[in-house]
């Protein structure tokens, strides 16, 4: 069974950059650290605040 990659054609450049950031963290620190509970921390690390991340990503 071949893994199907998501279609990134519908994402804007900022959203693509965020997905790449999350995937890099997944590789760097593991799946446990990238669960939903830690997503707000990762968003804050990338965008300086959770509110800024909502504005950038929509």
C-alpha atoms as a PDB file:
ATOM      1  CA  UNK A   1       0.000   0.000   0.000  1.00  0.00           C
ATOM      2  CA  UNK A   2       1.494   3.312  -1.084  1.00  0.00           C
ATOM      3  CA  UNK A   3       1.091   6.315   1.182  1.00  0.00           C
ATOM      4  CA  UNK A   4      -0.882   9.107  -0.417  1.00  0.00           C
ATOM      5  CA  UNK A   5       0.470  12.602   0.161  1.00  0.00           C
ATOM      6  CA  UNK A   6      -1.957  15.425   0.859  1.00  0.00           C
ATOM      7  CA  UNK A   7      -2.731  17.891  -1.905  1.00  0.00           C
ATOM      8  CA  UNK A   8      -1.031  21.150  -0.965  1.00  0.00           C
ATOM      9  CA  UNK A   9      -2.353  22.953  -4.041  1.00  0.00           C
ATOM     10  CA  UNK A  10      -5.151  24.505  -1.991  1.00  0.00           C
ATOM     11  CA  UNK A  11      -2.828  25.976   0.632  1.00  0.00           C
ATOM     12  CA  UNK A  12      -1.344  29.439   0.409  1.00  0.00           C
ATOM     13  CA  UNK A  13       2.414  29.934   0.898  1.00  0.00           C
ATOM     14  CA  UNK A  14       2.094  30.742   4.620  1.00  0.00           C
ATOM     15  CA  UNK A  15      -0.004  27.641   5.220  1.00  0.00           C
ATOM     16  CA  UNK A  16       2.502  25.497   3.296  1.00  0.00           C
ATOM     17  CA  UNK A  17       5.336  26.940   5.387  1.00  0.00           C
ATOM     18  CA  UNK A  18       3.431  26.035   8.554  1.00  0.00           C
ATOM     19  CA  UNK A  19       2.853  22.448   7.393  1.00  0.00           C
ATOM     20  CA  UNK A  20       6.560  22.149   6.566  1.00  0.00           C
ATOM     21  CA  UNK A  21       7.416  23.558  10.018  1.00  0.00           C
ATOM     22  CA  UNK A  22       5.167  21.035  11.786  1.00  0.00           C
ATOM     23  CA  UNK A  23       6.554  18.160   9.732  1.00  0.00           C
ATOM     24  CA  UNK A  24      10.117  19.223  10.541  1.00  0.00           C
ATOM     25  CA  UNK A  25       9.239  19.287  14.267  1.00  0.00           C
ATOM     26  CA  UNK A  26       7.632  15.861  13.951  1.00  0.00           C
ATOM     27  CA  UNK A  27      10.903  14.548  12.510  1.00  0.00           C
ATOM     28  CA  UNK A  28      13.046  16.464  15.010  1.00  0.00           C
ATOM     29  CA  UNK A  29      11.207  15.765  18.269  1.00  0.00           C
ATOM     30  CA  UNK A  30       8.777  12.952  17.533  1.00  0.00           C
ATOM     31  CA  UNK A  31       5.065  12.412  17.250  1.00  0.00           C
ATOM     32  CA  UNK A  32       4.378  12.691  20.979  1.00  0.00           C
ATOM     33  CA  UNK A  33       5.516  16.299  21.016  1.00  0.00           C
ATOM     34  CA  UNK A  34       3.392  17.213  18.005  1.00  0.00           C
ATOM     35  CA  UNK A  35       0.039  16.192  19.418  1.00  0.00           C
ATOM     36  CA  UNK A  36      -2.859  18.640  19.690  1.00  0.00           C
ATOM     37  CA  UNK A  37      -1.969  19.670  23.225  1.00  0.00           C
ATOM     38  CA  UNK A  38       1.392  20.964  22.049  1.00  0.00           C
ATOM     39  CA  UNK A  39       0.138  22.535  18.823  1.00  0.00           C
ATOM     40  CA  UNK A  40      -0.497  25.894  20.523  1.00  0.00           C
ATOM     41  CA  UNK A  41       3.112  25.895  21.773  1.00  0.00           C
ATOM     42  CA  UNK A  42       4.439  25.169  18.283  1.00  0.00           C
ATOM     43  CA  UNK A  43       2.219  27.901  16.820  1.00  0.00           C
ATOM     44  CA  UNK A  44       3.527  30.372  19.396  1.00  0.00           C
ATOM     45  CA  UNK A  45       7.124  29.346  18.680  1.00  0.00           C
ATOM     46  CA  UNK A  46       6.670  29.949  14.966  1.00  0.00           C
ATOM     47  CA  UNK A  47       4.469  33.071  15.048  1.00  0.00           C
ATOM     48  CA  UNK A  48       5.314  34.713  18.411  1.00  0.00           C
ATOM     49  CA  UNK A  49       1.731  34.387  19.672  1.00  0.00           C
ATOM     50  CA  UNK A  50      -1.306  32.192  19.179  1.00  0.00           C
ATOM     51  CA  UNK A  51      -3.318  35.219  18.007  1.00  0.00           C
ATOM     52  CA  UNK A  52      -0.647  36.064  15.404  1.00  0.00           C
ATOM     53  CA  UNK A  53      -0.787  32.493  14.114  1.00  0.00           C
ATOM     54  CA  UNK A  54      -4.557  32.708  13.633  1.00  0.00           C
ATOM     55  CA  UNK A  55      -4.121  35.953  11.702  1.00  0.00           C
ATOM     56  CA  UNK A  56      -1.372  34.545   9.464  1.00  0.00           C
ATOM     57  CA  UNK A  57      -2.956  31.162   8.790  1.00  0.00           C
ATOM     58  CA  UNK A  58      -6.553  32.264   8.598  1.00  0.00           C
END
